[in-house]
Amino acid sequence: MSDWTIALEDVLPNPPSDGSAGVNIAVVGQLNLPDQDEGTYELLLSFTRTALQQLADLGADFTFIDVTDDAEPDYQSIVSADAVIMLGGGDVEATRYGHDGPVPNEYGVDPRSDSRQLRVIAEAVAADQTMLAICRGSQLLNVASGGSLIPNLPDGEHRGLPGEPMFIDDVVNIDVQSPLGEIYPGRENLTVRNGHHQAVDRVGDHLKVIARAPDGVIEGTMRTDKRWIVGVQWHPEDPAGPPDDRAAIFAAVIDEVKRRRAAVPSL
């Protein structure tokens, strides 16, 4: 076991959720990547902990599913949850989106994680589950929908230059008629935290682009054939990002669960 290994207890929120939202969310992510070093360890620890703490602060209960764990995930329990949040992590195996040859700046490729998360997405989509997919999660949503990825963006686009901090403040333009417009009313432009060298390329079936960077890079998608499945390329769970914006997008997942419940007539 590496010195840079993350255990589940390292990312659990303190204080924990009081359960006041009455919602249980399956949070799917990677805690440990192949050849994990100190930098990857710090990012995964910080981002995962921030995401889970945000849910706890909003009163949501959650179950965290680490797809890098040796044990196979309990897929039935994931699909039985009120919603799914897919967190970021390492690169998707290139052959899964039809790319042959080397990928510059590739890191953290874990084929087992890919298989597990693609199955989660397929089952969540089939069940029309509420789902928020972040960064790697958004890329996997596109791949699961038959789309492809840009293997490597030029240095300095949507991430820091070599030798600089990876995560930067970045601007994205959102579709105000989409769920992102509901989450961030009156704001066509958002300043977000980005640190990605890959992005959605060919958009998958039943996906619509709902956010782009000024240079045209796709930063957000949604499934048009389902009620609320949203992918964002940026990291709202970066602790250096705007806390109100982070709370807003996580609260939107909880609100959607409650809307669905309210729409079901009582017997």
C-alpha atoms as a PDB file:
ATOM      1  CA  MET A   1       0.000   0.000   0.000  1.00  0.00           C
ATOM      2  CA  SER A   2       1.330   3.427  -1.001  1.00  0.00           C
ATOM      3  CA  ASP A   3       2.069   6.182   1.493  1.00  0.00           C
ATOM      4  CA  TRP A   4      -0.479   8.185  -0.496  1.00  0.00           C
ATOM      5  CA  THR A   5      -3.455   5.889   0.010  1.00  0.00           C
ATOM      6  CA  ILE A   6      -6.847   7.380   0.907  1.00  0.00           C
ATOM      7  CA  ALA A   7      -9.245   5.493   3.170  1.00  0.00           C
ATOM      8  CA  LEU A   8     -12.973   6.147   3.295  1.00  0.00           C
ATOM      9  CA  GLU A   9     -12.758   7.606   6.789  1.00  0.00           C
ATOM     10  CA  ASP A  10     -10.331  10.233   5.467  1.00  0.00           C
ATOM     11  CA  VAL A  11     -13.061  11.861   3.362  1.00  0.00           C
ATOM     12  CA  LEU A  12     -16.147  11.522   5.565  1.00  0.00           C
ATOM     13  CA  PRO A  13     -17.658  14.846   6.649  1.00  0.00           C
ATOM     14  CA  ASN A  14     -17.263  16.358  10.077  1.00  0.00           C
ATOM     15  CA  PRO A  15     -19.825  17.279  11.219  1.00  0.00           C
ATOM     16  CA  PRO A  16     -21.880  14.546   9.521  1.00  0.00           C
ATOM     17  CA  SER A  17     -25.249  15.093   7.901  1.00  0.00           C
ATOM     18  CA  ASP A  18     -28.236  15.539  10.190  1.00  0.00           C
ATOM     19  CA  GLY A  19     -30.447  13.935   7.533  1.00  0.00           C
ATOM     20  CA  SER A  20     -32.789  16.921   7.422  1.00  0.00           C
ATOM     21  CA  ALA A  21     -33.055  16.856   3.608  1.00  0.00           C
ATOM     22  CA  GLY A  22     -34.557  13.382   3.708  1.00  0.00           C
ATOM     23  CA  VAL A  23     -32.526  12.371   0.651  1.00  0.00           C
ATOM     24  CA  ASN A  24     -30.013   9.562   0.157  1.00  0.00           C
ATOM     25  CA  ILE A  25     -27.459  10.025  -2.624  1.00  0.00           C
ATOM     26  CA  ALA A  26     -25.038   7.496  -4.075  1.00  0.00           C
ATOM     27  CA  VAL A  27     -21.712   9.284  -4.575  1.00  0.00           C
ATOM     28  CA  VAL A  28     -19.433   7.406  -6.959  1.00  0.00           C
ATOM     29  CA  GLY A  29     -15.753   8.255  -7.160  1.00  0.00           C
ATOM     30  CA  GLN A  30     -12.134   7.165  -7.139  1.00  0.00           C
ATOM     31  CA  LEU A  31     -10.099   7.364  -3.958  1.00  0.00           C
ATOM     32  CA  ASN A  32      -6.876   5.788  -5.202  1.00  0.00           C
ATOM     33  CA  LEU A  33      -5.445   5.826  -8.716  1.00  0.00           C
ATOM     34  CA  PRO A  34      -2.689   3.633 -10.142  1.00  0.00           C
ATOM     35  CA  ASP A  35       0.746   5.007  -9.197  1.00  0.00           C
ATOM     36  CA  GLN A  36      -0.871   7.658  -7.012  1.00  0.00           C
ATOM     37  CA  ASP A  37       1.581  10.351  -5.936  1.00  0.00           C
ATOM     38  CA  GLU A  38       1.366  13.131  -3.385  1.00  0.00           C
ATOM     39  CA  GLY A  39      -0.237  15.596  -5.783  1.00  0.00           C
ATOM     40  CA  THR A  40      -3.004  13.217  -6.857  1.00  0.00           C
ATOM     41  CA  TYR A  41      -3.516  12.174  -3.251  1.00  0.00           C
ATOM     42  CA  GLU A  42      -4.011  15.764  -2.118  1.00  0.00           C
ATOM     43  CA  LEU A  43      -6.446  16.568  -4.946  1.00  0.00           C
ATOM     44  CA  LEU A  44      -8.619  13.479  -4.528  1.00  0.00           C
ATOM     45  CA  LEU A  45      -8.643  13.862  -0.754  1.00  0.00           C
ATOM     46  CA  SER A  46      -9.548  17.542  -0.845  1.00  0.00           C
ATOM     47  CA  PHE A  47     -12.132  17.415  -3.631  1.00  0.00           C
ATOM     48  CA  THR A  48     -13.885  14.289  -2.358  1.00  0.00           C
ATOM     49  CA  ARG A  49     -13.995  15.574   1.197  1.00  0.00           C
ATOM     50  CA  THR A  50     -15.386  18.929   0.025  1.00  0.00           C
ATOM     51  CA  ALA A  51     -18.130  17.263  -2.045  1.00  0.00           C
ATOM     52  CA  LEU A  52     -19.231  15.021   0.812  1.00  0.00           C
ATOM     53  CA  GLN A  53     -19.102  17.856   3.334  1.00  0.00           C
ATOM     54  CA  GLN A  54     -21.271  19.974   1.052  1.00  0.00           C
ATOM     55  CA  LEU A  55     -23.903  17.241   0.918  1.00  0.00           C
ATOM     56  CA  ALA A  56     -23.757  16.885   4.698  1.00  0.00           C
ATOM     57  CA  ASP A  57     -24.118  20.647   5.149  1.00  0.00           C
ATOM     58  CA  LEU A  58     -27.247  20.484   2.977  1.00  0.00           C
ATOM     59  CA  GLY A  59     -28.678  17.736   5.179  1.00  0.00           C
ATOM     60  CA  ALA A  60     -28.348  14.934   2.621  1.00  0.00           C
ATOM     61  CA  ASP A  61     -27.399  11.397   3.555  1.00  0.00           C
ATOM     62  CA  PHE A  62     -25.089   9.578   1.168  1.00  0.00           C
ATOM     63  CA  THR A  63     -23.325   6.321   0.461  1.00  0.00           C
ATOM     64  CA  PHE A  64     -19.857   6.648  -1.029  1.00  0.00           C
ATOM     65  CA  ILE A  65     -18.865   4.033  -3.605  1.00  0.00           C
ATOM     66  CA  ASP A  66     -15.142   3.834  -4.300  1.00  0.00           C
ATOM     67  CA  VAL A  67     -14.764   2.225  -7.728  1.00  0.00           C
ATOM     68  CA  THR A  68     -11.042   1.671  -7.089  1.00  0.00           C
ATOM     69  CA  ASP A  69     -11.827  -0.656  -4.175  1.00  0.00           C
ATOM     70  CA  ASP A  70     -11.226  -4.384  -4.640  1.00  0.00           C
ATOM     71  CA  ALA A  71     -14.853  -5.198  -3.893  1.00  0.00           C
ATOM     72  CA  GLU A  72     -17.354  -4.964  -6.748  1.00  0.00           C
ATOM     73  CA  PRO A  73     -19.901  -2.165  -6.191  1.00  0.00           C
ATOM     74  CA  ASP A  74     -23.435  -3.021  -5.151  1.00  0.00           C
ATOM     75  CA  TYR A  75     -25.094  -1.718  -8.303  1.00  0.00           C
ATOM     76  CA  GLN A  76     -28.603  -2.381  -7.057  1.00  0.00           C
ATOM     77  CA  SER A  77     -28.064  -0.135  -4.030  1.00  0.00           C
ATOM     78  CA  ILE A  78     -26.713   2.626  -6.275  1.00  0.00           C
ATOM     79  CA  VAL A  79     -29.728   2.564  -8.564  1.00  0.00           C
ATOM     80  CA  SER A  80     -32.015   2.369  -5.525  1.00  0.00           C
ATOM     81  CA  ALA A  81     -30.632   5.644  -4.152  1.00  0.00           C
ATOM     82  CA  ASP A  82     -32.550   8.879  -4.688  1.00  0.00           C
ATOM     83  CA  ALA A  83     -29.815  10.291  -6.930  1.00  0.00           C
ATOM     84  CA  VAL A  84     -26.284   9.650  -8.164  1.00  0.00           C
ATOM     85  CA  ILE A  85     -23.323  12.037  -8.149  1.00  0.00           C
ATOM     86  CA  MET A  86     -20.302  10.985 -10.204  1.00  0.00           C
ATOM     87  CA  LEU A  87     -17.073  12.657  -9.066  1.00  0.00           C
ATOM     88  CA  GLY A  88     -13.875  13.329 -10.995  1.00  0.00           C
ATOM     89  CA  GLY A  89     -10.653  11.332 -11.114  1.00  0.00           C
ATOM     90  CA  GLY A  90      -8.204   9.909 -13.620  1.00  0.00           C
ATOM     91  CA  ASP A  91      -8.341   9.776 -17.401  1.00  0.00           C
ATOM     92  CA  VAL A  92     -10.708   7.437 -19.228  1.00  0.00           C
ATOM     93  CA  GLU A  93      -8.996   4.590 -21.088  1.00  0.00           C
ATOM     94  CA  ALA A  94      -8.536   5.959 -24.608  1.00  0.00           C
ATOM     95  CA  THR A  95      -9.752   2.874 -26.465  1.00  0.00           C
ATOM     96  CA  ARG A  96     -13.178   3.296 -24.846  1.00  0.00           C
ATOM     97  CA  TYR A  97     -13.806   6.378 -26.973  1.00  0.00           C
ATOM     98  CA  GLY A  98     -12.094   5.093 -30.102  1.00  0.00           C
ATOM     99  CA  HIS A  99      -8.670   6.702 -29.760  1.00  0.00           C
ATOM    100  CA  ASP A 100      -5.615   4.728 -30.826  1.00  0.00           C
ATOM    101  CA  GLY A 101      -2.082   5.679 -29.916  1.00  0.00           C
ATOM    102  CA  PRO A 102      -0.473   7.539 -27.036  1.00  0.00           C
ATOM    103  CA  VAL A 103      -2.251  10.289 -25.109  1.00  0.00           C
ATOM    104  CA  PRO A 104      -0.060  13.209 -23.961  1.00  0.00           C
ATOM    105  CA  ASN A 105      -0.331  14.072 -20.262  1.00  0.00           C
ATOM    106  CA  GLU A 106      -2.347  10.914 -19.594  1.00  0.00           C
ATOM    107  CA  TYR A 107      -2.670   9.978 -15.938  1.00  0.00           C
ATOM    108  CA  GLY A 108      -4.556   7.706 -13.576  1.00  0.00           C
ATOM    109  CA  VAL A 109      -5.992   5.329 -16.177  1.00  0.00           C
ATOM    110  CA  ASP A 110      -7.842   2.520 -14.403  1.00  0.00           C
ATOM    111  CA  PRO A 111      -9.835   0.240 -16.752  1.00  0.00           C
ATOM    112  CA  ARG A 112     -11.654  -1.427 -13.856  1.00  0.00           C
ATOM    113  CA  SER A 113     -12.950   1.946 -12.649  1.00  0.00           C
ATOM    114  CA  ASP A 114     -14.075   2.769 -16.189  1.00  0.00           C
ATOM    115  CA  SER A 115     -16.047  -0.467 -16.473  1.00  0.00           C
ATOM    116  CA  ARG A 116     -17.710   0.028 -13.127  1.00  0.00           C
ATOM    117  CA  GLN A 117     -18.646   3.653 -13.683  1.00  0.00           C
ATOM    118  CA  LEU A 118     -19.910   3.040 -17.201  1.00  0.00           C
ATOM    119  CA  ARG A 119     -22.198   0.354 -15.776  1.00  0.00           C
ATOM    120  CA  VAL A 120     -23.431   2.739 -13.069  1.00  0.00           C
ATOM    121  CA  ILE A 121     -24.191   5.376 -15.701  1.00  0.00           C
ATOM    122  CA  ALA A 122     -25.972   2.895 -17.971  1.00  0.00           C
ATOM    123  CA  GLU A 123     -28.170   1.648 -15.136  1.00  0.00           C
ATOM    124  CA  ALA A 124     -28.851   5.153 -13.803  1.00  0.00           C
ATOM    125  CA  VAL A 125     -29.848   6.374 -17.271  1.00  0.00           C
ATOM    126  CA  ALA A 126     -32.088   3.342 -17.812  1.00  0.00           C
ATOM    127  CA  ALA A 127     -33.775   4.076 -14.467  1.00  0.00           C
ATOM    128  CA  ASP A 128     -34.086   7.807 -15.303  1.00  0.00           C
ATOM    129  CA  GLN A 129     -32.314   8.548 -12.044  1.00  0.00           C
ATOM    130  CA  THR A 130     -31.383  12.091 -11.033  1.00  0.00           C
ATOM    131  CA  MET A 131     -27.657  12.359 -11.777  1.00  0.00           C
ATOM    132  CA  LEU A 132     -24.917  14.982 -11.625  1.00  0.00           C
ATOM    133  CA  ALA A 133     -21.668  13.964 -13.350  1.00  0.00           C
ATOM    134  CA  ILE A 134     -18.530  16.002 -12.650  1.00  0.00           C
ATOM    135  CA  CYS A 135     -15.378  16.191 -14.832  1.00  0.00           C
ATOM    136  CA  ARG A 136     -14.382  12.525 -15.372  1.00  0.00           C
ATOM    137  CA  GLY A 137     -18.007  11.684 -14.605  1.00  0.00           C
ATOM    138  CA  SER A 138     -19.187  14.044 -17.349  1.00  0.00           C
ATOM    139  CA  GLN A 139     -16.705  12.540 -19.802  1.00  0.00           C
ATOM    140  CA  LEU A 140     -17.890   9.030 -18.939  1.00  0.00           C
ATOM    141  CA  LEU A 141     -21.500  10.145 -19.395  1.00  0.00           C
ATOM    142  CA  ASN A 142     -20.586  11.181 -22.940  1.00  0.00           C
ATOM    143  CA  VAL A 143     -18.708   7.950 -23.634  1.00  0.00           C
ATOM    144  CA  ALA A 144     -21.593   5.892 -22.236  1.00  0.00           C
ATOM    145  CA  SER A 145     -23.898   7.770 -24.613  1.00  0.00           C
ATOM    146  CA  GLY A 146     -21.749   6.870 -27.630  1.00  0.00           C
ATOM    147  CA  GLY A 147     -19.661  10.034 -27.758  1.00  0.00           C
ATOM    148  CA  SER A 148     -15.912  10.629 -27.854  1.00  0.00           C
ATOM    149  CA  LEU A 149     -13.351  12.750 -26.023  1.00  0.00           C
ATOM    150  CA  ILE A 150     -10.607  15.171 -27.014  1.00  0.00           C
ATOM    151  CA  PRO A 151      -7.572  13.194 -25.773  1.00  0.00           C
ATOM    152  CA  ASN A 152      -5.435  16.218 -24.926  1.00  0.00           C
ATOM    153  CA  LEU A 153      -6.043  19.965 -25.042  1.00  0.00           C
ATOM    154  CA  PRO A 154      -3.126  22.351 -25.666  1.00  0.00           C
ATOM    155  CA  ASP A 155      -1.082  23.276 -22.602  1.00  0.00           C
ATOM    156  CA  GLY A 156      -2.581  26.139 -20.660  1.00  0.00           C
ATOM    157  CA  GLU A 157      -6.123  25.742 -21.992  1.00  0.00           C
ATOM    158  CA  HIS A 158      -8.515  25.084 -19.094  1.00  0.00           C
ATOM    159  CA  ARG A 159      -5.660  24.158 -16.775  1.00  0.00           C
ATOM    160  CA  GLY A 160      -2.435  25.736 -15.588  1.00  0.00           C
ATOM    161  CA  LEU A 161       0.722  25.660 -17.665  1.00  0.00           C
ATOM    162  CA  PRO A 162       3.428  23.112 -16.767  1.00  0.00           C
ATOM    163  CA  GLY A 163       5.053  24.155 -13.515  1.00  0.00           C
ATOM    164  CA  GLU A 164       2.016  26.194 -12.470  1.00  0.00           C
ATOM    165  CA  PRO A 165      -0.955  25.155 -10.300  1.00  0.00           C
ATOM    166  CA  MET A 166      -3.174  22.746 -12.235  1.00  0.00           C
ATOM    167  CA  PHE A 167      -6.496  24.318 -11.267  1.00  0.00           C
ATOM    168  CA  ILE A 168      -7.355  27.792 -12.470  1.00  0.00           C
ATOM    169  CA  ASP A 169     -10.289  30.196 -12.544  1.00  0.00           C
ATOM    170  CA  ASP A 170     -11.951  29.717 -15.915  1.00  0.00           C
ATOM    171  CA  VAL A 171     -15.015  31.207 -17.609  1.00  0.00           C
ATOM    172  CA  VAL A 172     -17.858  29.117 -19.051  1.00  0.00           C
ATOM    173  CA  ASN A 173     -20.959  30.283 -20.902  1.00  0.00           C
ATOM    174  CA  ILE A 174     -24.134  28.448 -19.888  1.00  0.00           C
ATOM    175  CA  ASP A 175     -27.436  27.827 -21.653  1.00  0.00           C
ATOM    176  CA  VAL A 176     -29.884  29.855 -19.581  1.00  0.00           C
ATOM    177  CA  GLN A 177     -32.753  27.626 -20.759  1.00  0.00           C
ATOM    178  CA  SER A 178     -31.077  24.520 -19.292  1.00  0.00           C
ATOM    179  CA  PRO A 179     -30.907  23.180 -15.743  1.00  0.00           C
ATOM    180  CA  LEU A 180     -27.733  25.249 -15.320  1.00  0.00           C
ATOM    181  CA  GLY A 181     -29.785  28.364 -16.017  1.00  0.00           C
ATOM    182  CA  GLU A 182     -32.160  27.327 -13.224  1.00  0.00           C
ATOM    183  CA  ILE A 183     -29.272  26.709 -10.838  1.00  0.00           C
ATOM    184  CA  TYR A 184     -27.595  30.026 -11.681  1.00  0.00           C
ATOM    185  CA  PRO A 185     -30.450  32.364 -12.678  1.00  0.00           C
ATOM    186  CA  GLY A 186     -29.540  35.551 -14.473  1.00  0.00           C
ATOM    187  CA  ARG A 187     -25.951  34.444 -15.103  1.00  0.00           C
ATOM    188  CA  GLU A 188     -24.917  33.600 -18.635  1.00  0.00           C
ATOM    189  CA  ASN A 189     -21.255  33.415 -17.627  1.00  0.00           C
ATOM    190  CA  LEU A 190     -19.772  31.561 -14.681  1.00  0.00           C
ATOM    191  CA  THR A 191     -16.272  31.675 -13.270  1.00  0.00           C
ATOM    192  CA  VAL A 192     -15.449  28.082 -12.385  1.00  0.00           C
ATOM    193  CA  ARG A 193     -12.495  25.981 -11.293  1.00  0.00           C
ATOM    194  CA  ASN A 194     -10.991  23.986 -14.135  1.00  0.00           C
ATOM    195  CA  GLY A 195      -8.002  21.688 -14.419  1.00  0.00           C
ATOM    196  CA  HIS A 196      -8.757  19.355 -17.321  1.00  0.00           C
ATOM    197  CA  HIS A 197      -6.685  18.344 -20.337  1.00  0.00           C
ATOM    198  CA  GLN A 198      -9.513  16.328 -21.926  1.00  0.00           C
ATOM    199  CA  ALA A 199     -13.082  17.253 -22.851  1.00  0.00           C
ATOM    200  CA  VAL A 200     -16.169  16.096 -24.720  1.00  0.00           C
ATOM    201  CA  ASP A 201     -15.546  15.913 -28.477  1.00  0.00           C
ATOM    202  CA  ARG A 202     -18.286  14.173 -30.483  1.00  0.00           C
ATOM    203  CA  VAL A 203     -21.436  14.572 -28.391  1.00  0.00           C
ATOM    204  CA  GLY A 204     -23.168  11.328 -27.506  1.00  0.00           C
ATOM    205  CA  ASP A 205     -26.702  10.282 -28.350  1.00  0.00           C
ATOM    206  CA  HIS A 206     -29.478  12.128 -26.502  1.00  0.00           C
ATOM    207  CA  LEU A 207     -26.976  14.629 -25.087  1.00  0.00           C
ATOM    208  CA  LYS A 208     -27.265  18.376 -25.548  1.00  0.00           C
ATOM    209  CA  VAL A 209     -24.479  20.888 -24.964  1.00  0.00           C
ATOM    210  CA  ILE A 210     -25.486  23.326 -22.207  1.00  0.00           C
ATOM    211  CA  ALA A 211     -22.153  25.009 -21.430  1.00  0.00           C
ATOM    212  CA  ARG A 212     -19.092  25.985 -23.421  1.00  0.00           C
ATOM    213  CA  ALA A 213     -15.882  27.846 -22.814  1.00  0.00           C
ATOM    214  CA  PRO A 214     -15.370  30.978 -24.928  1.00  0.00           C
ATOM    215  CA  ASP A 215     -13.006  28.947 -27.154  1.00  0.00           C
ATOM    216  CA  GLY A 216     -15.790  26.456 -27.899  1.00  0.00           C
ATOM    217  CA  VAL A 217     -14.656  23.615 -25.634  1.00  0.00           C
ATOM    218  CA  ILE A 218     -17.692  21.799 -24.259  1.00  0.00           C
ATOM    219  CA  GLU A 219     -18.079  22.313 -20.517  1.00  0.00           C
ATOM    220  CA  GLY A 220     -21.565  20.952 -19.827  1.00  0.00           C
ATOM    221  CA  THR A 221     -24.141  18.525 -21.231  1.00  0.00           C
ATOM    222  CA  MET A 222     -27.544  17.126 -20.346  1.00  0.00           C
ATOM    223  CA  ARG A 223     -29.573  14.111 -21.438  1.00  0.00           C
ATOM    224  CA  THR A 224     -32.545  15.292 -23.460  1.00  0.00           C
ATOM    225  CA  ASP A 225     -34.481  12.020 -23.114  1.00  0.00           C
ATOM    226  CA  LYS A 226     -34.402  11.959 -19.298  1.00  0.00           C
ATOM    227  CA  ARG A 227     -35.662  14.291 -16.605  1.00  0.00           C
ATOM    228  CA  TRP A 228     -32.441  15.483 -14.899  1.00  0.00           C
ATOM    229  CA  ILE A 229     -29.071  14.059 -15.929  1.00  0.00           C
ATOM    230  CA  VAL A 230     -26.453  16.808 -16.083  1.00  0.00           C
ATOM    231  CA  GLY A 231     -22.717  16.711 -16.714  1.00  0.00           C
ATOM    232  CA  VAL A 232     -20.269  19.531 -15.954  1.00  0.00           C
ATOM    233  CA  GLN A 233     -16.612  19.503 -16.931  1.00  0.00           C
ATOM    234  CA  TRP A 234     -15.540  21.893 -14.186  1.00  0.00           C
ATOM    235  CA  HIS A 235     -15.078  21.162 -10.480  1.00  0.00           C
ATOM    236  CA  PRO A 236     -17.692  22.777  -8.220  1.00  0.00           C
ATOM    237  CA  GLU A 237     -16.176  20.698  -5.408  1.00  0.00           C
ATOM    238  CA  ASP A 238     -12.808  22.455  -5.642  1.00  0.00           C
ATOM    239  CA  PRO A 239     -12.528  24.118  -2.206  1.00  0.00           C
ATOM    240  CA  ALA A 240     -10.921  27.141  -3.903  1.00  0.00           C
ATOM    241  CA  GLY A 241     -14.084  27.722  -5.931  1.00  0.00           C
ATOM    242  CA  PRO A 242     -17.087  29.923  -5.058  1.00  0.00           C
ATOM    243  CA  PRO A 243     -18.843  28.285  -2.072  1.00  0.00           C
ATOM    244  CA  ASP A 244     -22.277  29.621  -3.021  1.00  0.00           C
ATOM    245  CA  ASP A 245     -21.983  28.191  -6.529  1.00  0.00           C
ATOM    246  CA  ARG A 246     -20.905  24.837  -5.109  1.00  0.00           C
ATOM    247  CA  ALA A 247     -23.845  24.763  -2.709  1.00  0.00           C
ATOM    248  CA  ALA A 248     -26.243  25.719  -5.509  1.00  0.00           C
ATOM    249  CA  ILE A 249     -25.383  22.836  -7.838  1.00  0.00           C
ATOM    250  CA  PHE A 250     -25.396  20.201  -5.087  1.00  0.00           C
ATOM    251  CA  ALA A 251     -28.662  21.609  -3.724  1.00  0.00           C
ATOM    252  CA  ALA A 252     -30.140  21.302  -7.224  1.00  0.00           C
ATOM    253  CA  VAL A 253     -29.701  17.521  -7.052  1.00  0.00           C
ATOM    254  CA  ILE A 254     -31.583  17.419  -3.743  1.00  0.00           C
ATOM    255  CA  ASP A 255     -34.278  19.752  -5.061  1.00  0.00           C
ATOM    256  CA  GLU A 256     -34.839  17.559  -8.112  1.00  0.00           C
ATOM    257  CA  VAL A 257     -35.360  14.508  -5.896  1.00  0.00           C
ATOM    258  CA  LYS A 258     -37.927  16.441  -3.883  1.00  0.00           C
ATOM    259  CA  ARG A 259     -39.687  17.669  -7.044  1.00  0.00           C
ATOM    260  CA  ARG A 260     -40.062  14.113  -8.264  1.00  0.00           C
ATOM    261  CA  ARG A 261     -41.508  12.993  -4.958  1.00  0.00           C
ATOM    262  CA  ALA A 262     -43.963  15.868  -4.927  1.00  0.00           C
ATOM    263  CA  ALA A 263     -45.135  14.942  -8.427  1.00  0.00           C
ATOM    264  CA  VAL A 264     -46.085  11.395  -7.373  1.00  0.00           C
ATOM    265  CA  PRO A 265     -49.712  11.343  -6.157  1.00  0.00           C
ATOM    266  CA  SER A 266     -50.191   9.885  -2.693  1.00  0.00           C
ATOM    267  CA  LEU A 267     -52.361   6.774  -2.378  1.00  0.00           C
END
